[in-house]
Protein backbone atom coordinates (compact mmCIF):
# COMPACT_ATOMS: atom_id res chain seq x y z
CA MET A 1 14.64 -6.32 8.22
CA ASN A 2 13.48 -6.44 4.61
CA GLY A 3 11.05 -4.26 2.65
CA ALA A 4 8.03 -6.47 3.35
CA GLU A 5 8.65 -6.34 7.10
CA LEU A 6 9.10 -2.57 6.92
CA LEU A 7 5.78 -2.27 5.09
CA ILE A 8 4.01 -4.29 7.79
CA LYS A 9 5.67 -2.35 10.63
CA THR A 10 4.64 0.92 8.97
CA ALA A 11 1.05 -0.30 8.68
CA ILE A 12 1.05 -1.30 12.36
CA GLY A 13 2.41 2.14 13.23
CA ALA A 14 -0.61 3.63 11.43
CA GLY A 15 -3.00 1.57 13.56
CA VAL A 16 -3.54 -1.42 11.25
CA THR A 17 -3.96 -4.71 13.15
CA VAL A 18 -5.58 -6.88 10.44
CA CYS A 19 -4.80 -7.67 6.82
CA PHE A 20 -7.31 -9.36 4.52
CA ALA A 21 -5.29 -10.96 1.74
CA ASN A 22 -5.73 -12.71 -1.58
CA PRO A 23 -2.05 -12.91 -2.50
CA GLY A 24 -0.23 -14.48 -5.39
CA THR A 25 3.38 -15.44 -5.81
CA THR A 26 4.68 -11.88 -5.98
CA GLU A 27 3.13 -11.02 -2.59
CA LEU A 28 4.51 -14.00 -0.67
CA PRO A 29 7.22 -11.93 1.07
CA ILE A 30 4.46 -9.76 2.53
CA VAL A 31 2.49 -12.84 3.64
CA THR A 32 5.63 -14.16 5.32
CA ALA A 33 6.15 -10.79 7.02
CA LEU A 34 2.58 -10.95 8.38
CA ASP A 35 3.64 -14.08 10.25
CA ARG A 36 7.01 -12.72 11.39
CA VAL A 37 6.02 -9.26 12.61
CA PRO A 38 3.94 -9.22 15.81
CA GLY A 39 0.99 -6.86 16.08
CA ILE A 40 -0.96 -7.71 12.92
CA ARG A 41 -3.09 -10.68 11.95
CA GLY A 42 -3.46 -11.93 8.39
CA TYR A 43 -6.67 -13.45 7.04
CA LEU A 44 -6.55 -15.20 3.67
CA GLY A 45 -9.57 -14.98 1.39
CA LEU A 46 -10.44 -17.02 -1.70
CA PHE A 47 -11.51 -14.01 -3.74
CA GLU A 48 -10.50 -10.37 -3.83
CA GLY A 49 -14.10 -9.26 -3.34
CA VAL A 50 -14.23 -11.16 -0.05
CA CYS A 51 -11.07 -9.41 1.18
CA THR A 52 -12.09 -5.91 0.12
CA GLY A 53 -15.60 -6.38 1.51
CA ALA A 54 -14.21 -7.68 4.81
CA ALA A 55 -11.83 -4.72 5.10
CA ASP A 56 -14.66 -2.29 4.39
CA GLY A 57 -16.92 -3.96 6.97
CA TYR A 58 -14.14 -4.08 9.54
CA GLY A 59 -13.37 -0.41 9.03
CA ARG A 60 -17.03 0.61 9.25
CA MET A 61 -17.84 -1.48 12.33
CA LEU A 62 -14.74 -0.73 14.40
CA ASP A 63 -13.67 2.61 12.89
CA LYS A 64 -10.16 1.15 12.69
CA PRO A 65 -8.04 0.80 9.57
CA ALA A 66 -7.81 -2.55 7.79
CA MET A 67 -5.22 -3.55 5.21
CA VAL A 68 -6.01 -5.38 1.98
CA LEU A 69 -3.30 -7.30 0.09
CA LEU A 70 -4.21 -8.13 -3.51
CA HIS A 71 -2.44 -9.95 -6.33
CA LEU A 72 -1.45 -7.65 -9.20
CA GLY A 73 -3.69 -5.29 -11.17
CA PRO A 74 -6.34 -7.92 -12.06
CA GLY A 75 -6.77 -8.74 -8.37
CA PHE A 76 -7.27 -5.05 -7.65
CA ALA A 77 -9.83 -4.91 -10.48
CA ASN A 78 -11.76 -7.81 -8.92
CA GLY A 79 -12.09 -5.92 -5.64
CA ILE A 80 -12.61 -2.38 -6.91
CA ALA A 81 -16.41 -2.28 -6.48
CA ASN A 82 -16.05 -2.87 -2.74
CA LEU A 83 -13.17 -0.40 -2.57
CA HIS A 84 -15.40 2.17 -4.26
CA ASN A 85 -18.05 1.57 -1.59
CA ALA A 86 -15.41 1.80 1.15
CA ARG A 87 -14.21 5.13 -0.23
CA ARG A 88 -17.75 6.51 -0.38
CA ALA A 89 -18.33 5.43 3.24
CA LYS A 90 -14.94 6.86 4.26
CA SER A 91 -13.89 3.44 5.59
CA PRO A 92 -10.25 3.40 6.69
CA VAL A 93 -8.80 0.86 4.23
CA LEU A 94 -5.14 0.55 3.21
CA ASN A 95 -4.70 -1.18 -0.17
CA VAL A 96 -1.50 -2.97 -1.12
CA VAL A 97 -1.33 -4.37 -4.64
CA GLY A 98 1.53 -6.52 -5.88
CA GLU A 99 3.48 -6.20 -9.11
CA HIS A 100 5.51 -8.61 -11.21
CA ALA A 101 9.23 -8.72 -10.61
CA THR A 102 11.01 -6.50 -13.11
CA TRP A 103 12.95 -9.46 -14.52
CA HIS A 104 9.67 -11.26 -15.28
CA ARG A 105 7.90 -8.46 -17.15
CA ASP A 106 9.66 -9.12 -20.46
CA ALA A 107 8.16 -12.62 -20.50
CA ASP A 108 4.69 -11.02 -20.90
CA PRO A 109 3.13 -13.04 -18.05
CA PRO A 110 -0.62 -13.72 -18.31
CA LEU A 111 -1.66 -11.31 -15.52
CA ARG A 112 0.58 -8.46 -16.72
CA HIS A 113 -1.45 -5.28 -17.21
CA GLY A 114 -1.62 -3.62 -20.60
CA TYR A 115 0.73 -0.69 -20.11
């Protein structure tokens, strides 16, 4: 078992059965784990706002937690308005946001955050 599979199994243990994802390259191990670990279903979305809105709606309608997988800090920023609404509504949403590999940070990749 690797870290991505452990993350998914932990989410399942907390009652998560769906993950709305807009992943990038750094999140691919988690996407792969969604396919390998039974008990959770992954849904890919074209835009972070779609995924965060879907997770909020799912949580509100079913009163069950939904997971959101986003690509890096900018992906989180694209979905934050919906996550704000989900927080205000007390929707059960678990956010997972990727990060660049440590060996890639020195290359100053385009989506690297400012700190």
